[in-house]
Amino acid sequence: MGQGNATRGNIDYTAWQNCLSTNVLGPARVAETFADNLIASKQKKLITISSRMGSIAATSALNSIVYRSSKAAVNMVMKILANDLGPQGVTVTSFHPGWVRTDLGGSTAPILPKDSARCIRQIIAKLGPSDNGAFLNYDGETVP
């Protein structure tokens, strides 16, 4: 999906479109579809799973242009939604799940999916309006 080793000169643009559709348009559509429900709900929280690889400030890499750009784009979408929905009481937050042992993360990744999910769920339970627009690591640290 993320075309991990894509660099300038060897990009599959169809794969890039598919990656953007999944990683950016998917969360944007869900947010747009359920925005009114979130505004009316008791738990006014909109959460998306992003990646530290989408941090513009934290990258010096030359690879993974497809995946990185899709995660940077979803981070921007969530930041704009934070500006839009925050005044209506919705807390919009993006999470980096850590280097998780999945097909994408590989078998040497140190974090099990259940541990990442548990940590993120604990943080979500404590989120409030001051966290609106934040990009957080699975352990609660801010991602630049």
Protein backbone atom coordinates (compact mmCIF):
# COMPACT_ATOMS: atom_id res chain seq x y z
CA MET A 1 0.00 0.00 0.00
CA GLY A 2 2.57 2.59 1.03
CA GLN A 3 5.20 1.80 -1.60
CA GLY A 4 7.85 1.98 1.15
CA ASN A 5 10.95 2.42 -0.96
CA ALA A 6 9.50 4.80 -3.54
CA THR A 7 11.86 7.67 -4.26
CA ARG A 8 12.11 10.27 -6.97
CA GLY A 9 12.34 8.44 -10.26
CA ASN A 10 10.59 5.21 -9.28
CA ILE A 11 7.13 6.27 -8.16
CA ASP A 12 4.05 4.29 -9.14
CA TYR A 13 1.48 7.08 -9.47
CA THR A 14 -1.46 4.68 -9.47
CA ALA A 15 -0.25 3.27 -6.15
CA TRP A 16 0.12 6.85 -4.89
CA GLN A 17 -3.48 7.64 -5.82
CA ASN A 18 -4.65 4.49 -4.04
CA CYS A 19 -2.62 5.36 -0.95
CA LEU A 20 -4.04 8.90 -0.87
CA SER A 21 -7.55 7.53 -1.30
CA THR A 22 -7.14 5.21 1.68
CA ASN A 23 -5.04 7.33 4.03
CA VAL A 24 -6.48 10.80 3.31
CA LEU A 25 -9.84 10.62 1.58
CA GLY A 26 -11.06 7.75 3.77
CA PRO A 27 -10.62 9.58 7.09
CA ALA A 28 -11.88 12.83 5.53
CA ARG A 29 -15.07 11.13 4.32
CA VAL A 30 -15.67 9.52 7.70
CA ALA A 31 -15.15 12.86 9.45
CA GLU A 32 -17.46 14.70 7.10
CA THR A 33 -20.14 12.01 7.32
CA PHE A 34 -20.16 11.89 11.11
CA ALA A 35 -19.36 15.53 12.01
CA ASP A 36 -22.92 16.37 13.04
CA ASN A 37 -23.11 13.19 15.12
CA LEU A 38 -19.85 14.10 16.87
CA ILE A 39 -21.08 17.61 17.60
CA ALA A 40 -24.27 16.17 19.13
CA SER A 41 -22.52 13.41 21.10
CA LYS A 42 -21.29 13.26 24.69
CA GLN A 43 -17.79 12.13 23.68
CA LYS A 44 -16.86 14.75 21.12
CA LYS A 45 -13.65 13.15 19.86
CA LEU A 46 -12.45 12.60 16.31
CA ILE A 47 -9.36 10.39 16.20
CA THR A 48 -7.27 9.23 13.27
CA ILE A 49 -4.26 6.97 13.09
CA SER A 50 -1.46 8.69 11.25
CA SER A 51 2.27 8.12 11.40
CA ARG A 52 5.36 9.96 12.53
CA MET A 53 6.44 9.42 8.92
CA GLY A 54 3.86 12.12 8.07
CA SER A 55 5.59 14.73 10.20
CA ILE A 56 7.14 17.39 8.00
CA ALA A 57 9.23 18.71 10.89
CA ALA A 58 10.61 15.29 11.84
CA THR A 59 11.69 13.96 8.44
CA SER A 60 15.01 13.98 6.67
CA ALA A 61 14.26 10.82 4.69
CA LEU A 62 14.58 10.36 0.96
CA ASN A 63 12.30 7.34 0.74
CA SER A 64 8.65 6.43 1.22
CA ILE A 65 7.41 9.51 -0.61
CA VAL A 66 4.02 7.87 -1.25
CA TYR A 67 3.28 6.80 2.33
CA ARG A 68 4.87 9.84 3.98
CA SER A 69 2.98 12.31 1.81
CA SER A 70 -0.33 10.54 2.47
CA LYS A 71 0.20 10.73 6.23
CA ALA A 72 1.31 14.38 6.02
CA ALA A 73 -1.88 15.11 4.08
CA VAL A 74 -4.15 13.39 6.61
CA ASN A 75 -2.41 15.34 9.38
CA MET A 76 -3.31 18.56 7.57
CA VAL A 77 -6.90 17.44 7.07
CA MET A 78 -7.20 16.69 10.80
CA LYS A 79 -5.63 20.04 11.73
CA ILE A 80 -8.16 21.87 9.53
CA LEU A 81 -10.99 19.82 11.05
CA ALA A 82 -9.66 20.73 14.51
CA ASN A 83 -9.99 24.41 13.58
CA ASP A 84 -13.47 23.78 12.17
CA LEU A 85 -14.92 21.47 14.83
CA GLY A 86 -13.00 22.65 17.90
CA PRO A 87 -15.23 25.69 18.48
CA GLN A 88 -18.17 23.27 18.55
CA GLY A 89 -16.54 21.25 21.33
CA VAL A 90 -15.03 18.44 19.24
CA THR A 91 -11.47 17.39 20.05
CA VAL A 92 -9.65 16.28 16.88
CA THR A 93 -6.43 14.34 17.46
CA SER A 94 -4.06 12.29 15.30
CA PHE A 95 -1.96 9.44 16.66
CA HIS A 96 1.30 7.80 15.66
CA PRO A 97 0.85 4.19 16.82
CA GLY A 98 4.59 3.60 17.18
CA TRP A 99 6.68 1.08 15.29
CA VAL A 100 4.15 -1.73 15.45
CA ARG A 101 4.68 -5.39 14.54
CA THR A 102 2.37 -5.56 11.51
CA ASP A 103 2.80 -6.35 7.83
CA LEU A 104 3.88 -2.73 7.33
CA GLY A 105 6.02 -2.49 10.49
CA GLY A 106 7.70 -5.85 10.04
CA SER A 107 8.47 -8.72 12.38
CA THR A 108 11.25 -6.84 14.19
CA ALA A 109 9.05 -3.93 15.28
CA PRO A 110 9.14 -3.71 19.08
CA ILE A 111 5.48 -2.85 19.76
CA LEU A 112 2.64 -5.34 19.59
CA PRO A 113 -0.59 -4.04 18.03
CA LYS A 114 -2.56 -4.72 21.23
CA ASP A 115 -0.08 -2.69 23.30
CA SER A 116 -0.19 0.28 20.93
CA ALA A 117 -4.00 0.15 20.87
CA ARG A 118 -4.21 -0.09 24.67
CA CYS A 119 -1.98 2.95 25.14
CA ILE A 120 -3.87 4.99 22.54
CA ARG A 121 -7.24 4.08 24.08
CA GLN A 122 -6.03 5.20 27.51
CA ILE A 123 -4.91 8.55 26.10
CA ILE A 124 -8.15 9.02 24.13
CA ALA A 125 -10.13 8.54 27.35
CA LYS A 126 -8.28 11.51 28.88
CA LEU A 127 -8.37 13.86 25.88
CA GLY A 128 -10.02 17.22 26.31
CA PRO A 129 -10.41 20.51 24.46
CA SER A 130 -6.79 21.50 25.15
CA ASP A 131 -5.72 18.50 23.03
CA ASN A 132 -7.63 19.69 19.97
CA GLY A 133 -5.38 19.60 16.91
CA ALA A 134 -2.66 17.58 18.62
CA PHE A 135 -0.51 14.96 16.90
CA LEU A 136 0.48 12.46 19.58
CA ASN A 137 2.68 9.41 19.84
CA TYR A 138 1.06 6.26 21.24
CA ASP A 139 2.69 7.07 24.60
CA GLY A 140 1.18 10.56 24.71
CA GLU A 141 4.25 12.52 23.65
CA THR A 142 3.72 15.25 21.08
CA VAL A 143 4.93 14.50 17.55
CA PRO A 144 6.40 17.60 15.86
